[in-house]
Amino acid sequence: MKKPIRLALLGSSGSIGLQTLDVVRKNPDAIQVVALAAHFNVKALAAQAHEFKVKHLALGHADAADSVDISQLPTDAQIGFGASAVEALASLDDVDVVLNALVGAAGLRVSYTTLKQGRRLALANKESLVVGGDLMMPLSSPQTLLPVDSEHSAIYQCLLGENVDEVQNIWLTASGGPFRGWTREQLAQVDARAALAHPTWKMGPKITIDSSTLMNKGLEAIEAHHLFAKEYDKIKIMVHPQSCIHSMVEYIDGSVKAHLGVTDMRIPIQYALSYPTRRQAPLEPLDFCKLSNLSFEAPDTQTFGALRLALEAGRLGGTAPAVLNAANEIAVAAFLKDKCGFLDIEQTVETVLEHHDCVKVQSLEQLEEVDRRAREEARVALGDRSRP
């Protein structure tokens, strides 16, 4: 009998983390969780450690140490605190696969460490490639870097058995978010509650806001550029409100492969963990007879300027995507706390990008310094409204 893969799940209390654990429950013979990391949610981490009998634990927020009651954890568990403790879990001897579901640029070093060691990285942290793709991709292969984003998993699967030189275009689909068809005047009145009401996907708050501004699709285009080695003029974005087609690949002979499925992240999560085999679906399959229609339209980059900014930063390359991402993270956090308006997110990113002198990516340390400076400039642009 084949041994189960040994999984380090980083970001276990978030949306992707919780859905990953649901996949594990349905595949107990195939996946063994050996390490767990959350940001600050001690209660959730302790419950998960008990359920899955995990002894290697970490909390990314250094201050979480003050709120941990060791008696809550399994008796043989070891727990660390801070970013370095989370990163250390990716280096454990008994880990085969690291699923990086950390939020934002915080996942950068984990991804780098995992790939550097030649282990499989199931990547749900798109910022790792948005910020550090120039450093990550030389360390990776199609067997060691498996995308968990539904769009990139779809593209990955559409490319299986194909010659990448025969790809004409990659088509990224977007739901359009909750404000599809709205005007700038309407968007100016949007609050966080409305922006968190995504029409088709259930996701964490940060990515949900990014979906509402269409920044998420821009970040995904940058990620696709690195993952599939295609220039931006061959990465096309279209709005597909039904979110049934997760993405497509168009070939030079006119053939198009599309990946379809229900809007549930457990499918790409399971595929990244089971590759190169497939396992029984973790949920009910798509019922094609219930599909009334599939519609498509071009994205409105004038109304949703965040998408335009992301594509511009991607084409510029170098440290520009790192600045884009950092400024966006600060602005989204401020918006979620009702400290800025919806359109202030885009304006903040644009202001910080305009002040940045882009240079070639050289190291993680350089990117971390670029990230730090961009965050500070974003706070200044917001008038310090982003601070707690």
Protein backbone atom coordinates (compact mmCIF):
# COMPACT_ATOMS: atom_id res chain seq x y z
CA MET A 1 0.00 0.00 0.00
CA LYS A 2 1.33 3.43 -0.95
CA LYS A 3 2.36 5.59 1.98
CA PRO A 4 0.35 8.78 2.55
CA ILE A 5 1.99 12.08 1.66
CA ARG A 6 3.14 14.01 4.71
CA LEU A 7 1.72 17.51 4.61
CA ALA A 8 2.74 20.78 6.22
CA LEU A 9 -0.29 23.05 6.05
CA LEU A 10 0.63 26.69 6.56
CA GLY A 11 -2.36 28.98 6.96
CA SER A 12 -4.55 26.29 8.48
CA SER A 13 -7.18 28.59 10.00
CA GLY A 14 -7.94 30.50 6.80
CA SER A 15 -10.36 29.64 4.01
CA ILE A 16 -7.92 27.51 1.98
CA GLY A 17 -6.56 25.88 5.12
CA LEU A 18 -10.00 24.83 6.35
CA GLN A 19 -10.93 23.43 2.94
CA THR A 20 -7.61 21.57 2.78
CA LEU A 21 -8.41 19.87 6.07
CA ASP A 22 -11.77 18.86 4.64
CA VAL A 23 -9.91 17.22 1.75
CA VAL A 24 -7.70 15.42 4.28
CA ARG A 25 -10.77 14.13 6.13
CA LYS A 26 -12.04 12.61 2.90
CA ASN A 27 -8.62 11.08 2.08
CA PRO A 28 -7.22 9.84 5.41
CA ASP A 29 -5.34 7.01 3.72
CA ALA A 30 -3.61 9.36 1.26
CA ILE A 31 -2.72 12.47 3.29
CA GLN A 32 -1.17 12.78 6.74
CA VAL A 33 -0.92 16.24 8.29
CA VAL A 34 2.41 16.50 10.13
CA ALA A 35 2.68 20.27 10.64
CA LEU A 36 0.23 23.14 11.05
CA ALA A 37 0.65 26.90 11.15
CA ALA A 38 -1.91 29.66 11.69
CA HIS A 39 -1.50 33.40 12.15
CA PHE A 40 -3.06 34.13 15.53
CA ASN A 41 -6.00 31.75 15.98
CA VAL A 42 -4.78 29.64 18.92
CA LYS A 43 -8.13 27.96 19.49
CA ALA A 44 -8.45 26.75 15.90
CA LEU A 45 -4.84 25.56 15.78
CA ALA A 46 -5.25 23.58 19.00
CA ALA A 47 -8.44 21.92 17.78
CA GLN A 48 -6.79 20.97 14.49
CA ALA A 49 -3.72 19.61 16.26
CA HIS A 50 -5.90 17.33 18.38
CA GLU A 51 -8.07 16.15 15.49
CA PHE A 52 -5.19 15.32 13.16
CA LYS A 53 -2.68 14.35 15.89
CA VAL A 54 -0.14 16.96 14.81
CA LYS A 55 2.86 17.76 17.01
CA HIS A 56 4.66 20.41 14.92
CA LEU A 57 2.86 23.74 15.28
CA ALA A 58 3.50 27.44 14.73
CA LEU A 59 1.71 30.77 15.05
CA GLY A 60 2.95 33.45 12.68
CA HIS A 61 2.07 36.39 14.91
CA ALA A 62 4.91 36.73 17.40
CA ASP A 63 2.62 38.24 20.05
CA ALA A 64 0.46 35.10 19.98
CA ALA A 65 2.86 33.55 22.50
CA ASP A 66 1.20 35.59 25.24
CA SER A 67 -2.20 34.04 24.56
CA VAL A 68 -1.25 30.38 24.30
CA ASP A 69 -2.26 27.97 27.02
CA ILE A 70 0.04 25.00 26.48
CA SER A 71 -2.50 22.72 28.15
CA GLN A 72 -4.78 23.30 25.12
CA LEU A 73 -2.31 21.51 22.86
CA PRO A 74 -1.57 17.79 22.50
CA THR A 75 0.87 16.67 25.18
CA ASP A 76 3.67 15.91 22.71
CA ALA A 77 3.18 19.05 20.59
CA GLN A 78 5.88 21.63 20.00
CA ILE A 79 4.92 25.19 19.05
CA GLY A 80 6.94 28.12 17.75
CA PHE A 81 6.08 31.76 17.21
CA GLY A 82 6.82 34.29 14.50
CA ALA A 83 7.59 34.08 10.78
CA SER A 84 10.77 32.06 11.29
CA ALA A 85 8.85 29.38 13.20
CA VAL A 86 6.36 29.06 10.34
CA GLU A 87 9.19 28.85 7.82
CA ALA A 88 10.91 26.16 9.88
CA LEU A 89 7.94 23.83 9.42
CA ALA A 90 8.70 23.69 5.70
CA SER A 91 12.15 22.30 6.54
CA LEU A 92 11.06 19.40 8.75
CA ASP A 93 12.49 16.03 7.73
CA ASP A 94 9.11 14.32 7.73
CA VAL A 95 7.42 16.74 5.30
CA ASP A 96 6.81 15.74 1.67
CA VAL A 97 4.49 18.56 0.57
CA VAL A 98 4.07 22.11 1.83
CA LEU A 99 0.73 23.77 1.14
CA ASN A 100 1.35 27.49 1.44
CA ALA A 101 -1.98 29.15 2.20
CA LEU A 102 -0.49 32.11 4.05
CA VAL A 103 -1.96 35.52 3.25
CA GLY A 104 0.09 38.08 1.36
CA ALA A 105 3.84 38.58 1.05
CA ALA A 106 4.31 36.77 4.37
CA GLY A 107 4.36 33.54 2.38
CA LEU A 108 7.39 34.50 0.29
CA ARG A 109 10.15 32.89 2.36
CA VAL A 110 8.15 29.71 2.95
CA SER A 111 7.77 29.18 -0.79
CA TYR A 112 11.44 29.91 -1.41
CA THR A 113 12.57 27.52 1.34
CA THR A 114 10.30 24.73 0.10
CA LEU A 115 11.48 24.96 -3.51
CA LYS A 116 15.11 25.37 -2.48
CA GLN A 117 14.87 22.01 -0.73
CA GLY A 118 13.33 20.34 -3.76
CA ARG A 119 10.04 19.55 -2.06
CA ARG A 120 6.63 19.88 -3.62
CA LEU A 121 5.01 23.25 -3.06
CA ALA A 122 1.23 23.37 -3.34
CA LEU A 123 0.91 27.11 -3.81
CA ALA A 124 -2.17 29.01 -2.72
CA ASN A 125 -0.12 32.09 -1.83
CA LYS A 126 -0.04 33.87 -5.20
CA GLU A 127 2.02 36.70 -3.74
CA SER A 128 5.04 34.37 -3.65
CA LEU A 129 5.20 34.54 -7.44
CA VAL A 130 3.83 38.06 -7.82
CA VAL A 131 6.61 39.38 -5.59
CA GLY A 132 9.36 36.79 -6.03
CA GLY A 133 8.65 34.91 -9.25
CA ASP A 134 12.06 35.81 -10.66
CA LEU A 135 13.66 33.99 -7.72
CA MET A 136 11.16 31.11 -7.40
CA MET A 137 10.83 29.82 -10.93
CA PRO A 138 14.51 28.85 -11.45
CA LEU A 139 14.13 26.61 -8.36
CA SER A 140 10.94 24.92 -9.54
CA SER A 141 9.67 22.35 -12.02
CA PRO A 142 6.16 21.30 -13.09
CA GLN A 143 6.48 18.44 -10.61
CA THR A 144 7.56 20.52 -7.62
CA LEU A 145 5.35 23.60 -8.03
CA LEU A 146 1.63 22.82 -8.17
CA PRO A 147 -0.74 25.82 -8.28
CA VAL A 148 -3.77 25.77 -5.99
CA ASP A 149 -5.49 28.88 -7.40
CA SER A 150 -8.46 27.53 -9.35
CA GLU A 151 -7.47 29.44 -12.50
CA HIS A 152 -3.86 28.33 -12.50
CA SER A 153 -4.74 24.75 -11.61
CA ALA A 154 -7.10 24.82 -14.60
CA ILE A 155 -4.37 26.08 -16.92
CA TYR A 156 -1.89 23.57 -15.52
CA GLN A 157 -4.29 20.73 -16.29
CA CYS A 158 -5.08 22.07 -19.77
CA LEU A 159 -1.35 22.02 -20.55
CA LEU A 160 -0.78 18.39 -19.53
CA GLY A 161 0.62 16.43 -22.46
CA GLU A 162 0.91 19.53 -24.64
CA ASN A 163 3.84 21.41 -26.14
CA VAL A 164 3.95 24.80 -24.42
CA ASP A 165 5.51 26.29 -27.56
CA GLU A 166 2.22 25.58 -29.33
CA VAL A 167 0.19 27.74 -26.92
CA GLN A 168 -1.31 30.78 -28.61
CA ASN A 169 -3.02 32.35 -25.59
CA ILE A 170 -3.84 31.67 -21.96
CA TRP A 171 -7.34 32.80 -20.97
CA LEU A 172 -7.88 33.73 -17.33
CA THR A 173 -11.53 33.90 -16.34
CA ALA A 174 -12.89 36.35 -13.77
CA SER A 175 -16.31 36.39 -12.15
CA GLY A 176 -16.37 40.18 -12.31
CA GLY A 177 -16.99 40.34 -8.57
CA PRO A 178 -20.03 41.87 -6.86
CA PHE A 179 -19.78 45.20 -8.72
CA ARG A 180 -19.69 44.06 -12.34
CA GLY A 181 -21.28 46.75 -14.50
CA TRP A 182 -21.05 49.46 -11.85
CA THR A 183 -19.79 53.00 -12.49
CA ARG A 184 -16.99 54.85 -10.71
CA GLU A 185 -19.60 56.99 -9.01
CA GLN A 186 -21.30 53.89 -7.60
CA LEU A 187 -17.99 52.36 -6.51
CA ALA A 188 -17.17 55.50 -4.53
CA GLN A 189 -20.05 54.60 -2.17
CA VAL A 190 -19.05 50.96 -1.59
CA ASP A 191 -18.30 49.74 1.94
CA ALA A 192 -16.50 46.61 3.11
CA ARG A 193 -19.68 44.67 3.80
CA ALA A 194 -20.84 45.03 0.20
CA ALA A 195 -17.39 44.22 -1.20
CA LEU A 196 -17.20 41.00 0.85
CA ALA A 197 -20.41 39.65 -0.74
CA HIS A 198 -18.80 37.73 -3.60
CA PRO A 199 -21.37 36.28 -6.01
CA THR A 200 -19.79 32.88 -6.67
CA TRP A 201 -16.75 32.08 -4.48
CA LYS A 202 -16.29 31.71 -0.71
CA MET A 203 -12.87 33.11 0.13
CA GLY A 204 -10.96 34.95 2.84
CA PRO A 205 -11.53 38.71 3.27
CA LYS A 206 -8.34 39.94 1.60
CA ILE A 207 -8.75 37.96 -1.62
CA THR A 208 -12.48 38.75 -1.68
CA ILE A 209 -11.73 42.48 -1.66
CA ASP A 210 -9.09 41.93 -4.34
CA SER A 211 -11.73 40.18 -6.43
CA SER A 212 -14.12 43.10 -6.03
CA THR A 213 -11.49 45.58 -7.29
CA LEU A 214 -10.27 43.10 -9.97
CA MET A 215 -6.77 43.44 -8.47
CA ASN A 216 -6.90 39.70 -7.88
CA LYS A 217 -7.11 39.04 -11.61
CA GLY A 218 -4.13 41.29 -12.20
CA LEU A 219 -2.13 39.42 -9.57
CA GLU A 220 -3.17 36.16 -11.21
CA ALA A 221 -1.94 37.41 -14.59
CA ILE A 222 1.48 38.08 -13.04
CA GLU A 223 1.41 34.64 -11.44
CA ALA A 224 0.48 33.04 -14.78
CA HIS A 225 3.32 34.90 -16.49
CA HIS A 226 5.80 33.22 -14.16
CA LEU A 227 4.15 29.80 -13.92
CA PHE A 228 3.68 29.26 -17.64
CA ALA A 229 6.48 31.44 -19.09
CA LYS A 230 4.12 33.48 -21.29
CA GLU A 231 4.34 37.18 -22.05
CA TYR A 232 1.47 39.42 -21.06
CA ASP A 233 0.17 39.87 -24.60
CA LYS A 234 -0.57 36.13 -24.56
CA ILE A 235 -2.37 36.23 -21.21
CA LYS A 236 -5.95 37.27 -21.88
CA ILE A 237 -8.53 38.12 -19.22
CA MET A 238 -12.27 37.74 -19.68
CA VAL A 239 -15.20 38.13 -17.32
CA HIS A 240 -17.27 34.95 -16.97
CA PRO A 241 -19.95 35.60 -14.31
CA GLN A 242 -21.02 31.96 -13.91
CA SER A 243 -17.47 30.96 -12.80
CA CYS A 244 -17.99 27.55 -14.39
CA ILE A 245 -15.02 27.71 -16.75
CA HIS A 246 -12.03 28.22 -14.49
CA SER A 247 -9.63 29.08 -17.32
CA MET A 248 -8.69 28.02 -20.86
CA VAL A 249 -5.68 27.44 -23.08
CA GLU A 250 -5.82 28.32 -26.77
CA TYR A 251 -3.41 26.57 -29.14
CA ILE A 252 -1.91 27.73 -32.42
CA ASP A 253 -4.16 25.43 -34.45
CA GLY A 254 -7.27 27.14 -33.08
CA SER A 255 -8.11 24.42 -30.56
CA VAL A 256 -9.14 25.60 -27.10
CA LYS A 257 -9.04 23.50 -23.93
CA ALA A 258 -11.27 24.67 -21.09
CA HIS A 259 -11.33 23.43 -17.52
CA LEU A 260 -14.85 23.37 -16.07
CA GLY A 261 -16.09 22.52 -12.60
CA VAL A 262 -18.08 23.66 -9.61
CA THR A 263 -16.96 26.77 -7.75
CA ASP A 264 -15.25 25.00 -4.88
CA MET A 265 -11.57 25.25 -3.97
CA ARG A 266 -11.43 21.70 -2.67
CA ILE A 267 -11.06 20.42 -6.24
CA PRO A 268 -7.80 22.27 -7.08
CA ILE A 269 -6.53 21.67 -3.52
CA GLN A 270 -7.04 17.93 -3.85
CA TYR A 271 -5.46 17.87 -7.31
CA ALA A 272 -2.32 19.64 -6.05
CA LEU A 273 -2.01 17.06 -3.26
CA SER A 274 -2.83 13.96 -5.33
CA TYR A 275 -0.88 14.81 -8.53
CA PRO A 276 -0.10 12.94 -10.78
CA THR A 277 -3.12 10.80 -9.91
CA ARG A 278 -6.73 11.84 -9.36
CA ARG A 279 -8.97 10.84 -6.50
CA GLN A 280 -12.72 10.74 -6.02
CA ALA A 281 -14.26 14.21 -6.07
CA PRO A 282 -14.60 15.74 -2.58
CA LEU A 283 -18.06 17.12 -3.46
CA GLU A 284 -20.95 16.72 -5.87
CA PRO A 285 -19.89 17.20 -9.52
CA LEU A 286 -21.11 19.89 -11.87
CA ASP A 287 -24.57 19.25 -13.33
CA PHE A 288 -24.37 20.46 -16.93
CA CYS A 289 -28.10 20.11 -17.41
CA LYS A 290 -28.66 22.86 -14.84
CA LEU A 291 -26.41 25.35 -16.62
CA SER A 292 -28.66 27.91 -18.25
CA ASN A 293 -25.89 29.75 -20.11
CA LEU A 294 -22.21 30.61 -20.19
CA SER A 295 -21.47 34.26 -20.92
CA PHE A 296 -18.27 36.22 -21.44
CA GLU A 297 -17.25 39.87 -21.65
CA ALA A 298 -14.13 41.99 -21.60
CA PRO A 299 -13.07 43.45 -18.24
CA ASP A 300 -13.66 47.17 -17.69
CA THR A 301 -10.17 48.40 -16.87
CA GLN A 302 -11.28 52.04 -16.90
CA THR A 303 -13.78 51.56 -14.08
CA PHE A 304 -11.66 48.96 -12.29
CA GLY A 305 -8.28 50.62 -12.51
CA ALA A 306 -6.58 48.17 -10.13
CA LEU A 307 -6.49 45.58 -12.91
CA ARG A 308 -4.84 48.06 -15.25
CA LEU A 309 -2.23 48.94 -12.61
CA ALA A 310 -1.43 45.28 -11.96
CA LEU A 311 -0.90 44.55 -15.65
CA GLU A 312 1.29 47.64 -16.01
CA ALA A 313 3.41 46.55 -13.02
CA GLY A 314 3.67 43.03 -14.43
CA ARG A 315 4.90 44.27 -17.79
CA LEU A 316 7.40 46.57 -16.08
CA GLY A 317 8.67 43.61 -14.05
CA GLY A 318 11.56 43.77 -11.60
CA THR A 319 10.51 45.15 -8.23
CA ALA A 320 7.32 46.82 -9.53
CA PRO A 321 5.01 43.87 -8.73
CA ALA A 322 6.39 43.75 -5.18
CA VAL A 323 5.50 47.42 -4.73
CA LEU A 324 2.07 46.88 -6.26
CA ASN A 325 1.36 44.02 -3.88
CA ALA A 326 2.63 45.76 -0.75
CA ALA A 327 0.65 48.94 -1.37
CA ASN A 328 -2.45 46.92 -2.15
CA GLU A 329 -2.18 44.88 1.06
CA ILE A 330 -1.97 48.03 3.17
CA ALA A 331 -4.86 49.71 1.36
CA VAL A 332 -7.10 46.64 1.53
CA ALA A 333 -6.42 46.28 5.26
CA ALA A 334 -7.40 49.93 5.74
CA PHE A 335 -10.58 49.46 3.72
CA LEU A 336 -11.58 46.40 5.74
CA LYS A 337 -11.28 48.55 8.88
CA ASP A 338 -13.40 51.32 7.29
CA LYS A 339 -10.38 53.64 7.32
CA CYS A 340 -10.47 54.43 3.61
CA GLY A 341 -12.86 54.28 0.67
CA PHE A 342 -13.12 51.61 -1.99
CA LEU A 343 -11.51 53.73 -4.71
CA ASP A 344 -8.75 54.75 -2.27
CA ILE A 345 -7.33 51.24 -2.69
CA GLU A 346 -6.61 51.84 -6.36
CA GLN A 347 -5.42 55.42 -5.76
CA THR A 348 -3.00 54.34 -3.05
CA VAL A 349 -1.46 51.65 -5.25
CA GLU A 350 -1.11 54.08 -8.15
CA THR A 351 0.55 56.74 -5.98
CA VAL A 352 3.10 54.33 -4.53
CA LEU A 353 3.91 52.84 -7.94
CA GLU A 354 4.45 56.29 -9.44
CA HIS A 355 7.07 57.05 -6.78
CA HIS A 356 8.96 53.78 -7.23
CA ASP A 357 12.15 53.42 -9.25
CA CYS A 358 11.94 49.86 -10.54
CA VAL A 359 15.10 47.71 -10.48
CA LYS A 360 15.95 44.09 -11.21
CA VAL A 361 15.10 41.49 -8.56
CA GLN A 362 18.27 40.23 -6.89
CA SER A 363 17.44 38.61 -3.53
CA LEU A 364 14.80 37.92 -0.91
CA GLU A 365 16.36 40.53 1.34
CA GLN A 366 16.07 43.15 -1.39
CA LEU A 367 12.40 42.27 -1.97
CA GLU A 368 11.66 42.43 1.74
CA GLU A 369 13.17 45.92 1.92
CA VAL A 370 11.21 47.02 -1.16
CA ASP A 371 8.08 45.59 0.46
CA ARG A 372 8.75 47.43 3.73
CA ARG A 373 9.30 50.78 2.04
CA ALA A 374 6.23 50.40 -0.17
CA ARG A 375 4.06 49.64 2.85
CA GLU A 376 5.29 52.74 4.62
CA GLU A 377 4.66 54.88 1.54
CA ALA A 378 1.17 53.40 1.27
CA ARG A 379 0.47 54.40 4.87
CA VAL A 380 1.65 57.91 4.11
CA ALA A 381 -0.56 58.03 1.00
CA LEU A 382 -3.50 56.99 3.16
CA GLY A 383 -2.68 59.64 5.71
CA ASP A 384 -1.78 56.93 8.26
CA ARG A 385 -5.40 55.76 8.22
CA SER A 386 -4.12 52.21 7.71
CA ARG A 387 -2.56 52.04 11.17
CA PRO A 388 -4.41 50.14 13.95
